[in-house]
Full PDB file with SEQRES, HELIX, SHEET, SSBOND, CRYST1, ORIGX, SCALE, CONECT and MASTER records, all heavy atoms in Angstrom:
SEQRES   1 A   41  MET LEU LEU ILE ALA GLY ALA VAL MET PHE ILE PRO ILE          
SEQRES   2 A   41  SER GLU LYS LYS ASP THR ASP LYS GLU THR TYR PHE GLY          
SEQRES   3 A   41  ILE VAL ASN PHE LYS SER GLY ASP GLU ARG TYR ASN VAL          
SEQRES   4 A   41  ASN LEU                                                      
HELIX    1 AA1 LEU A    2  VAL A    8  1                                   7    
SHEET    1 AA1 2 ILE A  27  SER A  32  0                                        
SHEET    2 AA1 2 GLU A  35  ASN A  40 -1                                        
CRYST1    1.000    1.000    1.000  90.00  90.00  90.00 P 1           1          
ORIGX1      1.000000  0.000000  0.000000        0.00000                         
ORIGX2      0.000000  1.000000  0.000000        0.00000                         
ORIGX3      0.000000  0.000000  1.000000        0.00000                         
SCALE1      1.000000  0.000000  0.000000        0.00000                         
SCALE2      0.000000  1.000000  0.000000        0.00000                         
SCALE3      0.000000  0.000000  1.000000        0.00000                         
ATOM      1  N   MET A   1       6.314 -24.699  26.232  1.00  0.00           N  
ATOM      2  CA  MET A   1       6.604 -24.778  27.698  1.00  0.00           C  
ATOM      3  C   MET A   1       8.190 -24.678  27.950  1.00  0.00           C  
ATOM      4  O   MET A   1       8.657 -23.919  28.790  1.00  0.00           O  
ATOM      5  CB  MET A   1       6.104 -25.997  28.386  1.00  0.00           C  
ATOM      6  CG  MET A   1       4.621 -26.103  28.426  1.00  0.00           C  
ATOM      7  SD  MET A   1       3.982 -27.703  29.075  1.00  0.00           S  
ATOM      8  CE  MET A   1       4.717 -27.564  30.779  1.00  0.00           C  
ATOM      9  N   LEU A   2       9.028 -25.354  27.062  1.00  0.00           N  
ATOM     10  CA  LEU A   2      10.367 -25.284  27.204  1.00  0.00           C  
ATOM     11  C   LEU A   2      10.936 -23.944  26.939  1.00  0.00           C  
ATOM     12  O   LEU A   2      11.850 -23.358  27.540  1.00  0.00           O  
ATOM     13  CB  LEU A   2      11.029 -26.327  26.287  1.00  0.00           C  
ATOM     14  CG  LEU A   2      10.918 -27.752  26.692  1.00  0.00           C  
ATOM     15  CD1 LEU A   2      11.431 -28.740  25.536  1.00  0.00           C  
ATOM     16  CD2 LEU A   2      11.672 -28.104  28.008  1.00  0.00           C  
ATOM     17  N   LEU A   3      10.367 -23.265  25.867  1.00  0.00           N  
ATOM     18  CA  LEU A   3      10.794 -21.939  25.428  1.00  0.00           C  
ATOM     19  C   LEU A   3      10.462 -20.924  26.562  1.00  0.00           C  
ATOM     20  O   LEU A   3      11.338 -20.025  26.861  1.00  0.00           O  
ATOM     21  CB  LEU A   3      10.025 -21.475  24.104  1.00  0.00           C  
ATOM     22  CG  LEU A   3      10.544 -22.307  22.903  1.00  0.00           C  
ATOM     23  CD1 LEU A   3       9.588 -21.939  21.695  1.00  0.00           C  
ATOM     24  CD2 LEU A   3      11.964 -21.914  22.524  1.00  0.00           C  
ATOM     25  N   ILE A   4       9.270 -21.047  27.137  1.00  0.00           N  
ATOM     26  CA  ILE A   4       8.909 -20.116  28.205  1.00  0.00           C  
ATOM     27  C   ILE A   4       9.782 -20.299  29.438  1.00  0.00           C  
ATOM     28  O   ILE A   4      10.287 -19.323  30.059  1.00  0.00           O  
ATOM     29  CB  ILE A   4       7.457 -20.282  28.536  1.00  0.00           C  
ATOM     30  CG1 ILE A   4       6.526 -19.875  27.333  1.00  0.00           C  
ATOM     31  CG2 ILE A   4       7.077 -19.470  29.788  1.00  0.00           C  
ATOM     32  CD1 ILE A   4       5.079 -20.119  27.545  1.00  0.00           C  
ATOM     33  N   ALA A   5      10.041 -21.616  29.768  1.00  0.00           N  
ATOM     34  CA  ALA A   5      10.833 -21.931  30.955  1.00  0.00           C  
ATOM     35  C   ALA A   5      12.230 -21.389  30.774  1.00  0.00           C  
ATOM     36  O   ALA A   5      12.876 -20.980  31.826  1.00  0.00           O  
ATOM     37  CB  ALA A   5      10.831 -23.412  31.241  1.00  0.00           C  
ATOM     38  N   GLY A   6      12.778 -21.384  29.632  1.00  0.00           N  
ATOM     39  CA  GLY A   6      14.088 -20.855  29.342  1.00  0.00           C  
ATOM     40  C   GLY A   6      14.118 -19.342  29.403  1.00  0.00           C  
ATOM     41  O   GLY A   6      15.003 -18.772  29.999  1.00  0.00           O  
ATOM     42  N   ALA A   7      13.078 -18.723  28.827  1.00  0.00           N  
ATOM     43  CA  ALA A   7      12.992 -17.276  28.768  1.00  0.00           C  
ATOM     44  C   ALA A   7      12.920 -16.634  30.117  1.00  0.00           C  
ATOM     45  O   ALA A   7      13.545 -15.607  30.407  1.00  0.00           O  
ATOM     46  CB  ALA A   7      11.889 -16.837  27.866  1.00  0.00           C  
ATOM     47  N   VAL A   8      12.085 -17.238  30.966  1.00  0.00           N  
ATOM     48  CA  VAL A   8      11.856 -16.632  32.360  1.00  0.00           C  
ATOM     49  C   VAL A   8      13.055 -16.572  33.206  1.00  0.00           C  
ATOM     50  O   VAL A   8      13.200 -15.854  34.192  1.00  0.00           O  
ATOM     51  CB  VAL A   8      10.655 -17.331  33.104  1.00  0.00           C  
ATOM     52  CG1 VAL A   8       9.450 -17.204  32.329  1.00  0.00           C  
ATOM     53  CG2 VAL A   8      11.050 -18.788  33.354  1.00  0.00           C  
ATOM     54  N   MET A   9      14.106 -17.495  32.837  1.00  0.00           N  
ATOM     55  CA  MET A   9      15.285 -17.479  33.654  1.00  0.00           C  
ATOM     56  C   MET A   9      16.092 -16.259  33.484  1.00  0.00           C  
ATOM     57  O   MET A   9      17.029 -15.938  34.266  1.00  0.00           O  
ATOM     58  CB  MET A   9      16.213 -18.643  33.289  1.00  0.00           C  
ATOM     59  CG  MET A   9      15.533 -20.053  33.569  1.00  0.00           C  
ATOM     60  SD  MET A   9      14.999 -20.246  35.219  1.00  0.00           S  
ATOM     61  CE  MET A   9      16.605 -20.280  36.145  1.00  0.00           C  
ATOM     62  N   PHE A  10      15.790 -15.403  32.446  1.00  0.00           N  
ATOM     63  CA  PHE A  10      16.475 -14.067  32.273  1.00  0.00           C  
ATOM     64  C   PHE A  10      15.774 -12.913  32.914  1.00  0.00           C  
ATOM     65  O   PHE A  10      16.213 -11.799  32.816  1.00  0.00           O  
ATOM     66  CB  PHE A  10      16.594 -13.814  30.751  1.00  0.00           C  
ATOM     67  CG  PHE A  10      17.612 -14.750  30.047  1.00  0.00           C  
ATOM     68  CD1 PHE A  10      17.222 -15.804  29.276  1.00  0.00           C  
ATOM     69  CD2 PHE A  10      18.949 -14.538  30.258  1.00  0.00           C  
ATOM     70  CE1 PHE A  10      18.079 -16.677  28.585  1.00  0.00           C  
ATOM     71  CE2 PHE A  10      19.857 -15.412  29.617  1.00  0.00           C  
ATOM     72  CZ  PHE A  10      19.416 -16.488  28.868  1.00  0.00           C  
ATOM     73  N   ILE A  11      14.649 -13.263  33.567  1.00  0.00           N  
ATOM     74  CA  ILE A  11      13.981 -12.254  34.416  1.00  0.00           C  
ATOM     75  C   ILE A  11      14.790 -11.858  35.675  1.00  0.00           C  
ATOM     76  O   ILE A  11      15.059 -12.851  36.414  1.00  0.00           O  
ATOM     77  CB  ILE A  11      12.556 -12.670  34.784  1.00  0.00           C  
ATOM     78  CG1 ILE A  11      11.671 -12.865  33.500  1.00  0.00           C  
ATOM     79  CG2 ILE A  11      11.868 -11.644  35.697  1.00  0.00           C  
ATOM     80  CD1 ILE A  11      10.306 -13.411  33.809  1.00  0.00           C  
ATOM     81  N   PRO A  12      15.145 -10.661  35.832  1.00  0.00           N  
ATOM     82  CA  PRO A  12      16.001 -10.393  36.959  1.00  0.00           C  
ATOM     83  C   PRO A  12      15.305 -10.593  38.249  1.00  0.00           C  
ATOM     84  O   PRO A  12      14.218 -10.019  38.531  1.00  0.00           O  
ATOM     85  CB  PRO A  12      16.400  -8.901  36.759  1.00  0.00           C  
ATOM     86  CG  PRO A  12      15.289  -8.316  35.881  1.00  0.00           C  
ATOM     87  CD  PRO A  12      14.881  -9.472  34.993  1.00  0.00           C  
ATOM     88  N   ILE A  13      15.841 -11.430  39.027  1.00  0.00           N  
ATOM     89  CA  ILE A  13      15.197 -11.720  40.353  1.00  0.00           C  
ATOM     90  C   ILE A  13      16.254 -11.503  41.459  1.00  0.00           C  
ATOM     91  O   ILE A  13      17.396 -12.084  41.398  1.00  0.00           O  
ATOM     92  CB  ILE A  13      14.714 -13.176  40.494  1.00  0.00           C  
ATOM     93  CG1 ILE A  13      13.612 -13.392  39.449  1.00  0.00           C  
ATOM     94  CG2 ILE A  13      14.203 -13.474  41.903  1.00  0.00           C  
ATOM     95  CD1 ILE A  13      12.365 -12.587  39.784  1.00  0.00           C  
ATOM     96  N   SER A  14      16.019 -10.739  42.442  1.00  0.00           N  
ATOM     97  CA  SER A  14      16.976 -10.467  43.549  1.00  0.00           C  
ATOM     98  C   SER A  14      16.925 -11.696  44.423  1.00  0.00           C  
ATOM     99  O   SER A  14      15.838 -12.267  44.811  1.00  0.00           O  
ATOM    100  CB  SER A  14      16.512  -9.191  44.266  1.00  0.00           C  
ATOM    101  OG  SER A  14      17.350  -9.056  45.467  1.00  0.00           O  
ATOM    102  N   GLU A  15      18.080 -12.242  44.893  1.00  0.00           N  
ATOM    103  CA  GLU A  15      18.222 -13.364  45.722  1.00  0.00           C  
ATOM    104  C   GLU A  15      18.379 -12.916  47.173  1.00  0.00           C  
ATOM    105  O   GLU A  15      18.770 -13.694  48.037  1.00  0.00           O  
ATOM    106  CB  GLU A  15      19.427 -14.243  45.301  1.00  0.00           C  
ATOM    107  CG  GLU A  15      19.205 -14.886  43.943  1.00  0.00           C  
ATOM    108  CD  GLU A  15      20.158 -16.059  43.675  1.00  0.00           C  
ATOM    109  OE1 GLU A  15      21.024 -16.241  44.556  1.00  0.00           O  
ATOM    110  OE2 GLU A  15      20.008 -16.737  42.701  1.00  0.00           O  
ATOM    111  N   LYS A  16      18.156 -11.688  47.469  1.00  0.00           N  
ATOM    112  CA  LYS A  16      18.131 -11.101  48.871  1.00  0.00           C  
ATOM    113  C   LYS A  16      17.039 -11.756  49.640  1.00  0.00           C  
ATOM    114  O   LYS A  16      15.921 -11.658  49.257  1.00  0.00           O  
ATOM    115  CB  LYS A  16      18.129  -9.613  48.910  1.00  0.00           C  
ATOM    116  CG  LYS A  16      18.167  -9.089  50.329  1.00  0.00           C  
ATOM    117  CD  LYS A  16      18.053  -7.506  50.253  1.00  0.00           C  
ATOM    118  CE  LYS A  16      18.201  -6.996  51.625  1.00  0.00           C  
ATOM    119  NZ  LYS A  16      18.014  -5.503  51.613  1.00  0.00           N  
ATOM    120  N   LYS A  17      17.318 -12.312  50.779  1.00  0.00           N  
ATOM    121  CA  LYS A  17      16.304 -12.994  51.530  1.00  0.00           C  
ATOM    122  C   LYS A  17      15.515 -12.019  52.380  1.00  0.00           C  
ATOM    123  O   LYS A  17      15.982 -11.168  53.062  1.00  0.00           O  
ATOM    124  CB  LYS A  17      16.923 -14.068  52.519  1.00  0.00           C  
ATOM    125  CG  LYS A  17      17.954 -14.956  51.919  1.00  0.00           C  
ATOM    126  CD  LYS A  17      17.366 -15.627  50.726  1.00  0.00           C  
ATOM    127  CE  LYS A  17      18.433 -16.482  50.021  1.00  0.00           C  
ATOM    128  NZ  LYS A  17      19.521 -15.762  49.349  1.00  0.00           N  
ATOM    129  N   ASP A  18      14.143 -12.096  52.326  1.00  0.00           N  
ATOM    130  CA  ASP A  18      13.267 -11.126  53.019  1.00  0.00           C  
ATOM    131  C   ASP A  18      12.840 -11.798  54.279  1.00  0.00           C  
ATOM    132  O   ASP A  18      11.666 -12.171  54.474  1.00  0.00           O  
ATOM    133  CB  ASP A  18      12.029 -10.898  52.073  1.00  0.00           C  
ATOM    134  CG  ASP A  18      11.229  -9.731  52.586  1.00  0.00           C  
ATOM    135  OD1 ASP A  18      11.688  -9.046  53.515  1.00  0.00           O  
ATOM    136  OD2 ASP A  18      10.073  -9.554  52.102  1.00  0.00           O  
ATOM    137  N   THR A  19      13.755 -11.925  55.178  1.00  0.00           N  
ATOM    138  CA  THR A  19      13.473 -12.561  56.478  1.00  0.00           C  
ATOM    139  C   THR A  19      13.038 -11.607  57.543  1.00  0.00           C  
ATOM    140  O   THR A  19      12.535 -11.986  58.574  1.00  0.00           O  
ATOM    141  CB  THR A  19      14.784 -13.236  57.009  1.00  0.00           C  
ATOM    142  OG1 THR A  19      15.848 -12.267  57.109  1.00  0.00           O  
ATOM    143  CG2 THR A  19      15.227 -14.322  56.064  1.00  0.00           C  
ATOM    144  N   ASP A  20      13.091 -10.300  57.305  1.00  0.00           N  
ATOM    145  CA  ASP A  20      12.590  -9.284  58.324  1.00  0.00           C  
ATOM    146  C   ASP A  20      11.078  -9.184  58.268  1.00  0.00           C  
ATOM    147  O   ASP A  20      10.481  -8.662  59.187  1.00  0.00           O  
ATOM    148  CB  ASP A  20      13.280  -7.900  58.114  1.00  0.00           C  
ATOM    149  CG  ASP A  20      14.778  -8.010  58.282  1.00  0.00           C  
ATOM    150  OD1 ASP A  20      15.169  -8.860  59.069  1.00  0.00           O  
ATOM    151  OD2 ASP A  20      15.544  -7.253  57.642  1.00  0.00           O  
ATOM    152  N   LYS A  21      10.587  -9.535  57.144  1.00  0.00           N  
ATOM    153  CA  LYS A  21       9.128  -9.368  56.920  1.00  0.00           C  
ATOM    154  C   LYS A  21       8.330 -10.469  57.741  1.00  0.00           C  
ATOM    155  O   LYS A  21       8.681 -11.652  57.597  1.00  0.00           O  
ATOM    156  CB  LYS A  21       8.782  -9.428  55.452  1.00  0.00           C  
ATOM    157  CG  LYS A  21       7.359  -9.267  55.051  1.00  0.00           C  
ATOM    158  CD  LYS A  21       7.255  -9.278  53.555  1.00  0.00           C  
ATOM    159  CE  LYS A  21       5.819  -9.110  53.085  1.00  0.00           C  
ATOM    160  NZ  LYS A  21       5.683  -9.186  51.691  1.00  0.00           N  
ATOM    161  N   GLU A  22       7.373 -10.080  58.492  1.00  0.00           N  
ATOM    162  CA  GLU A  22       6.584 -11.051  59.217  1.00  0.00           C  
ATOM    163  C   GLU A  22       5.686 -11.837  58.242  1.00  0.00           C  
ATOM    164  O   GLU A  22       5.204 -11.381  57.276  1.00  0.00           O  
ATOM    165  CB  GLU A  22       5.672 -10.317  60.246  1.00  0.00           C  
ATOM    166  CG  GLU A  22       6.408  -9.665  61.352  1.00  0.00           C  
ATOM    167  CD  GLU A  22       5.438  -9.063  62.394  1.00  0.00           C  
ATOM    168  OE1 GLU A  22       4.195  -9.285  62.198  1.00  0.00           O  
ATOM    169  OE2 GLU A  22       5.957  -8.454  63.350  1.00  0.00           O  
ATOM    170  N   THR A  23       5.627 -13.156  58.517  1.00  0.00           N  
ATOM    171  CA  THR A  23       4.821 -14.009  57.729  1.00  0.00           C  
ATOM    172  C   THR A  23       3.331 -13.908  58.137  1.00  0.00           C  
ATOM    173  O   THR A  23       2.999 -13.513  59.266  1.00  0.00           O  
ATOM    174  CB  THR A  23       5.216 -15.531  57.816  1.00  0.00           C  
ATOM    175  OG1 THR A  23       5.045 -15.856  59.264  1.00  0.00           O  
ATOM    176  CG2 THR A  23       6.669 -15.722  57.494  1.00  0.00           C  
ATOM    177  N   TYR A  24       2.445 -14.082  57.168  1.00  0.00           N  
ATOM    178  CA  TYR A  24       1.022 -14.136  57.426  1.00  0.00           C  
ATOM    179  C   TYR A  24       0.378 -15.227  56.580  1.00  0.00           C  
ATOM    180  O   TYR A  24       1.086 -16.005  55.917  1.00  0.00           O  
ATOM    181  CB  TYR A  24       0.475 -12.735  57.190  1.00  0.00           C  
ATOM    182  CG  TYR A  24       0.741 -12.137  55.702  1.00  0.00           C  
ATOM    183  CD1 TYR A  24      -0.158 -12.492  54.654  1.00  0.00           C  
ATOM    184  CD2 TYR A  24       1.923 -11.443  55.454  1.00  0.00           C  
ATOM    185  CE1 TYR A  24       0.188 -11.990  53.433  1.00  0.00           C  
ATOM    186  CE2 TYR A  24       2.156 -10.927  54.253  1.00  0.00           C  
ATOM    187  CZ  TYR A  24       1.308 -11.218  53.181  1.00  0.00           C  
ATOM    188  OH  TYR A  24       1.559 -10.722  51.900  1.00  0.00           O  
ATOM    189  N   PHE A  25      -0.913 -15.346  56.635  1.00  0.00           N  
ATOM    190  CA  PHE A  25      -1.630 -16.462  55.932  1.00  0.00           C  
ATOM    191  C   PHE A  25      -1.279 -16.409  54.433  1.00  0.00           C  
ATOM    192  O   PHE A  25      -1.452 -15.473  53.699  1.00  0.00           O  
ATOM    193  CB  PHE A  25      -3.103 -16.279  56.038  1.00  0.00           C  
ATOM    194  CG  PHE A  25      -3.872 -17.401  55.565  1.00  0.00           C  
ATOM    195  CD1 PHE A  25      -3.844 -18.615  56.172  1.00  0.00           C  
ATOM    196  CD2 PHE A  25      -4.676 -17.222  54.299  1.00  0.00           C  
ATOM    197  CE1 PHE A  25      -4.536 -19.800  55.651  1.00  0.00           C  
ATOM    198  CE2 PHE A  25      -5.390 -18.346  53.873  1.00  0.00           C  
ATOM    199  CZ  PHE A  25      -5.282 -19.580  54.515  1.00  0.00           C  
ATOM    200  N   GLY A  26      -0.725 -17.577  53.977  1.00  0.00           N  
ATOM    201  CA  GLY A  26      -0.274 -17.667  52.597  1.00  0.00           C  
ATOM    202  C   GLY A  26       1.168 -17.425  52.399  1.00  0.00           C  
ATOM    203  O   GLY A  26       1.640 -17.711  51.274  1.00  0.00           O  
ATOM    204  N   ILE A  27       1.850 -16.957  53.312  1.00  0.00           N  
ATOM    205  CA  ILE A  27       3.303 -16.688  53.222  1.00  0.00           C  
ATOM    206  C   ILE A  27       3.989 -17.660  54.253  1.00  0.00           C  
ATOM    207  O   ILE A  27       3.702 -17.629  55.360  1.00  0.00           O  
ATOM    208  CB  ILE A  27       3.695 -15.251  53.606  1.00  0.00           C  
ATOM    209  CG1 ILE A  27       2.937 -14.265  52.794  1.00  0.00           C  
ATOM    210  CG2 ILE A  27       5.181 -15.077  53.506  1.00  0.00           C  
ATOM    211  CD1 ILE A  27       3.277 -14.328  51.242  1.00  0.00           C  
ATOM    212  N   VAL A  28       4.839 -18.454  53.732  1.00  0.00           N  
ATOM    213  CA  VAL A  28       5.581 -19.529  54.485  1.00  0.00           C  
ATOM    214  C   VAL A  28       7.062 -19.245  54.517  1.00  0.00           C  
ATOM    215  O   VAL A  28       7.632 -18.916  53.466  1.00  0.00           O  
ATOM    216  CB  VAL A  28       5.291 -20.945  53.997  1.00  0.00           C  
ATOM    217  CG1 VAL A  28       5.957 -21.941  54.873  1.00  0.00           C  
ATOM    218  CG2 VAL A  28       3.752 -21.244  53.899  1.00  0.00           C  
ATOM    219  N   ASN A  29       7.715 -19.364  55.673  1.00  0.00           N  
ATOM    220  CA  ASN A  29       9.074 -19.126  55.768  1.00  0.00           C  
ATOM    221  C   ASN A  29       9.797 -20.471  55.700  1.00  0.00           C  
ATOM    222  O   ASN A  29       9.508 -21.371  56.438  1.00  0.00           O  
ATOM    223  CB  ASN A  29       9.430 -18.430  57.146  1.00  0.00           C  
ATOM    224  CG  ASN A  29      10.929 -18.046  57.231  1.00  0.00           C  
ATOM    225  OD1 ASN A  29      11.645 -18.829  57.744  1.00  0.00           O  
ATOM    226  ND2 ASN A  29      11.226 -16.918  56.679  1.00  0.00           N  
ATOM    227  N   PHE A  30      10.773 -20.528  54.806  1.00  0.00           N  
ATOM    228  CA  PHE A  30      11.547 -21.812  54.648  1.00  0.00           C  
ATOM    229  C   PHE A  30      12.971 -21.567  55.007  1.00  0.00           C  
ATOM    230  O   PHE A  30      13.525 -20.479  54.950  1.00  0.00           O  
ATOM    231  CB  PHE A  30      11.526 -22.379  53.132  1.00  0.00           C  
ATOM    232  CG  PHE A  30      10.159 -22.906  52.826  1.00  0.00           C  
ATOM    233  CD1 PHE A  30       9.276 -22.219  52.120  1.00  0.00           C  
ATOM    234  CD2 PHE A  30       9.883 -24.251  53.176  1.00  0.00           C  
ATOM    235  CE1 PHE A  30       8.054 -22.743  51.726  1.00  0.00           C  
ATOM    236  CE2 PHE A  30       8.678 -24.750  52.804  1.00  0.00           C  
ATOM    237  CZ  PHE A  30       7.768 -24.025  52.089  1.00  0.00           C  
ATOM    238  N   LYS A  31      13.675 -22.626  55.424  1.00  0.00           N  
ATOM    239  CA  LYS A  31      15.066 -22.497  55.727  1.00  0.00           C  
ATOM    240  C   LYS A  31      15.913 -23.505  54.854  1.00  0.00           C  
ATOM    241  O   LYS A  31      15.485 -24.676  54.724  1.00  0.00           O  
ATOM    242  CB  LYS A  31      15.362 -22.875  57.237  1.00  0.00           C  
ATOM    243  CG  LYS A  31      16.913 -22.709  57.591  1.00  0.00           C  
ATOM    244  CD  LYS A  31      17.064 -23.085  59.111  1.00  0.00           C  
ATOM    245  CE  LYS A  31      18.504 -22.867  59.503  1.00  0.00           C  
ATOM    246  NZ  LYS A  31      18.748 -23.198  60.895  1.00  0.00           N  
ATOM    247  N   SER A  32      17.008 -22.954  54.305  1.00  0.00           N  
ATOM    248  CA  SER A  32      17.845 -23.823  53.511  1.00  0.00           C  
ATOM    249  C   SER A  32      19.247 -23.571  53.986  1.00  0.00           C  
ATOM    250  O   SER A  32      19.847 -22.469  53.687  1.00  0.00           O  
ATOM    251  CB  SER A  32      17.738 -23.563  51.997  1.00  0.00           C  
ATOM    252  OG  SER A  32      18.698 -24.294  51.231  1.00  0.00           O  
ATOM    253  N   GLY A  33      19.900 -24.462  54.696  1.00  0.00           N  
ATOM    254  CA  GLY A  33      21.216 -24.237  55.217  1.00  0.00           C  
ATOM    255  C   GLY A  33      21.089 -23.147  56.354  1.00  0.00           C  
ATOM    256  O   GLY A  33      20.324 -23.238  57.265  1.00  0.00           O  
ATOM    257  N   ASP A  34      21.860 -22.148  56.181  1.00  0.00           N  
ATOM    258  CA  ASP A  34      21.767 -21.027  57.179  1.00  0.00           C  
ATOM    259  C   ASP A  34      20.990 -19.857  56.574  1.00  0.00           C  
ATOM    260  O   ASP A  34      20.941 -18.768  57.213  1.00  0.00           O  
ATOM    261  CB  ASP A  34      23.236 -20.514  57.396  1.00  0.00           C  
ATOM    262  CG  ASP A  34      24.160 -21.585  58.017  1.00  0.00           C  
ATOM    263  OD1 ASP A  34      23.555 -22.362  58.773  1.00  0.00           O  
ATOM    264  OD2 ASP A  34      25.400 -21.621  57.680  1.00  0.00           O  
ATOM    265  N   GLU A  35      20.282 -20.065  55.523  1.00  0.00           N  
ATOM    266  CA  GLU A  35      19.515 -18.999  54.941  1.00  0.00           C  
ATOM    267  C   GLU A  35      17.964 -19.291  55.113  1.00  0.00           C  
ATOM    268  O   GLU A  35      17.507 -20.365  55.033  1.00  0.00           O  
ATOM    269  CB  GLU A  35      19.840 -18.814  53.439  1.00  0.00           C  
ATOM    270  CG  GLU A  35      21.359 -18.390  53.251  1.00  0.00           C  
ATOM    271  CD  GLU A  35      21.660 -18.400  51.725  1.00  0.00           C  
ATOM    272  OE1 GLU A  35      20.951 -19.053  50.950  1.00  0.00           O  
ATOM    273  OE2 GLU A  35      22.655 -17.685  51.400  1.00  0.00           O  
ATOM    274  N   ARG A  36      17.234 -18.183  55.124  1.00  0.00           N  
ATOM    275  CA  ARG A  36      15.800 -18.277  55.219  1.00  0.00           C  
ATOM    276  C   ARG A  36      15.180 -17.411  54.148  1.00  0.00           C  
ATOM    277  O   ARG A  36      15.842 -16.376  53.712  1.00  0.00           O  
ATOM    278  CB  ARG A  36      15.214 -17.812  56.591  1.00  0.00           C  
ATOM    279  CG  ARG A  36      15.543 -18.790  57.698  1.00  0.00           C  
ATOM    280  CD  ARG A  36      14.894 -18.396  59.021  1.00  0.00           C  
ATOM    281  NE  ARG A  36      15.140 -19.257  60.079  1.00  0.00           N  
ATOM    282  CZ  ARG A  36      14.401 -20.356  60.366  1.00  0.00           C  
ATOM    283  NH1 ARG A  36      13.326 -20.570  59.535  1.00  0.00           N  
ATOM    284  NH2 ARG A  36      14.625 -21.179  61.300  1.00  0.00           N  
ATOM    285  N   TYR A  37      14.038 -17.735  53.696  1.00  0.00           N  
ATOM    286  CA  TYR A  37      13.333 -16.965  52.660  1.00  0.00           C  
ATOM    287  C   TYR A  37      11.840 -17.279  52.760  1.00  0.00           C  
ATOM    288  O   TYR A  37      11.418 -18.304  53.223  1.00  0.00           O  
ATOM    289  CB  TYR A  37      13.861 -17.375  51.282  1.00  0.00           C  
ATOM    290  CG  TYR A  37      13.870 -18.813  50.893  1.00  0.00           C  
ATOM    291  CD1 TYR A  37      12.818 -19.553  50.431  1.00  0.00           C  
ATOM    292  CD2 TYR A  37      15.066 -19.548  51.207  1.00  0.00           C  
ATOM    293  CE1 TYR A  37      12.872 -20.836  50.164  1.00  0.00           C  
ATOM    294  CE2 TYR A  37      15.132 -20.892  51.003  1.00  0.00           C  
ATOM    295  CZ  TYR A  37      14.053 -21.579  50.472  1.00  0.00           C  
ATOM    296  OH  TYR A  37      14.081 -22.818  50.131  1.00  0.00           O  
ATOM    297  N   ASN A  38      11.134 -16.238  52.341  1.00  0.00           N  
ATOM    298  CA  ASN A  38       9.647 -16.375  52.333  1.00  0.00           C  
ATOM    299  C   ASN A  38       9.005 -16.813  50.983  1.00  0.00           C  
ATOM    300  O   ASN A  38       9.519 -16.328  49.975  1.00  0.00           O  
ATOM    301  CB  ASN A  38       8.960 -15.070  52.745  1.00  0.00           C  
ATOM    302  CG  ASN A  38       9.319 -14.618  54.198  1.00  0.00           C  
ATOM    303  OD1 ASN A  38       9.526 -15.527  55.010  1.00  0.00           O  
ATOM    304  ND2 ASN A  38       9.406 -13.377  54.499  1.00  0.00           N  
ATOM    305  N   VAL A  39       8.068 -17.752  51.059  1.00  0.00           N  
ATOM    306  CA  VAL A  39       7.429 -18.212  49.826  1.00  0.00           C  
ATOM    307  C   VAL A  39       5.997 -17.757  49.849  1.00  0.00           C  
ATOM    308  O   VAL A  39       5.284 -18.161  50.757  1.00  0.00           O  
ATOM    309  CB  VAL A  39       7.545 -19.732  49.676  1.00  0.00           C  
ATOM    310  CG1 VAL A  39       6.773 -20.245  48.493  1.00  0.00           C  
ATOM    311  CG2 VAL A  39       8.993 -20.129  49.498  1.00  0.00           C  
ATOM    312  N   ASN A  40       5.547 -17.150  48.868  1.00  0.00           N  
ATOM    313  CA  ASN A  40       4.150 -16.707  48.673  1.00  0.00           C  
ATOM    314  C   ASN A  40       3.419 -17.829  48.079  1.00  0.00           C  
ATOM    315  O   ASN A  40       3.482 -18.018  46.911  1.00  0.00           O  
ATOM    316  CB  ASN A  40       4.020 -15.431  47.910  1.00  0.00           C  
ATOM    317  CG  ASN A  40       2.590 -14.790  47.854  1.00  0.00           C  
ATOM    318  OD1 ASN A  40       1.701 -15.545  48.095  1.00  0.00           O  
ATOM    319  ND2 ASN A  40       2.591 -13.547  47.638  1.00  0.00           N  
ATOM    320  N   LEU A  41       2.618 -18.557  48.886  1.00  0.00           N  
ATOM    321  CA  LEU A  41       1.843 -19.706  48.399  1.00  0.00           C  
ATOM    322  C   LEU A  41       0.790 -19.359  47.421  1.00  0.00           C  
ATOM    323  O   LEU A  41       0.370 -20.121  46.621  1.00  0.00           O  
ATOM    324  CB  LEU A  41       1.292 -20.470  49.584  1.00  0.00           C  
ATOM    325  CG  LEU A  41       2.263 -21.143  50.539  1.00  0.00           C  
ATOM    326  CD1 LEU A  41       1.570 -21.884  51.596  1.00  0.00           C  
ATOM    327  CD2 LEU A  41       3.292 -22.028  49.780  1.00  0.00           C  
TER     328      LEU A  41                                                      
MASTER        0    0    0    1    2    0    0    6  327    1    0    4          
END                                                                             
């Protein structure tokens, strides 16, 4: 589990917030400070 958790950190993930996309069932919009991002539940 530790090896996998370390390896996945090298997967390229864009930190651009997808706030223009409308939320729907299973997609929740969170706010952290002045930024918002969608979480796919």
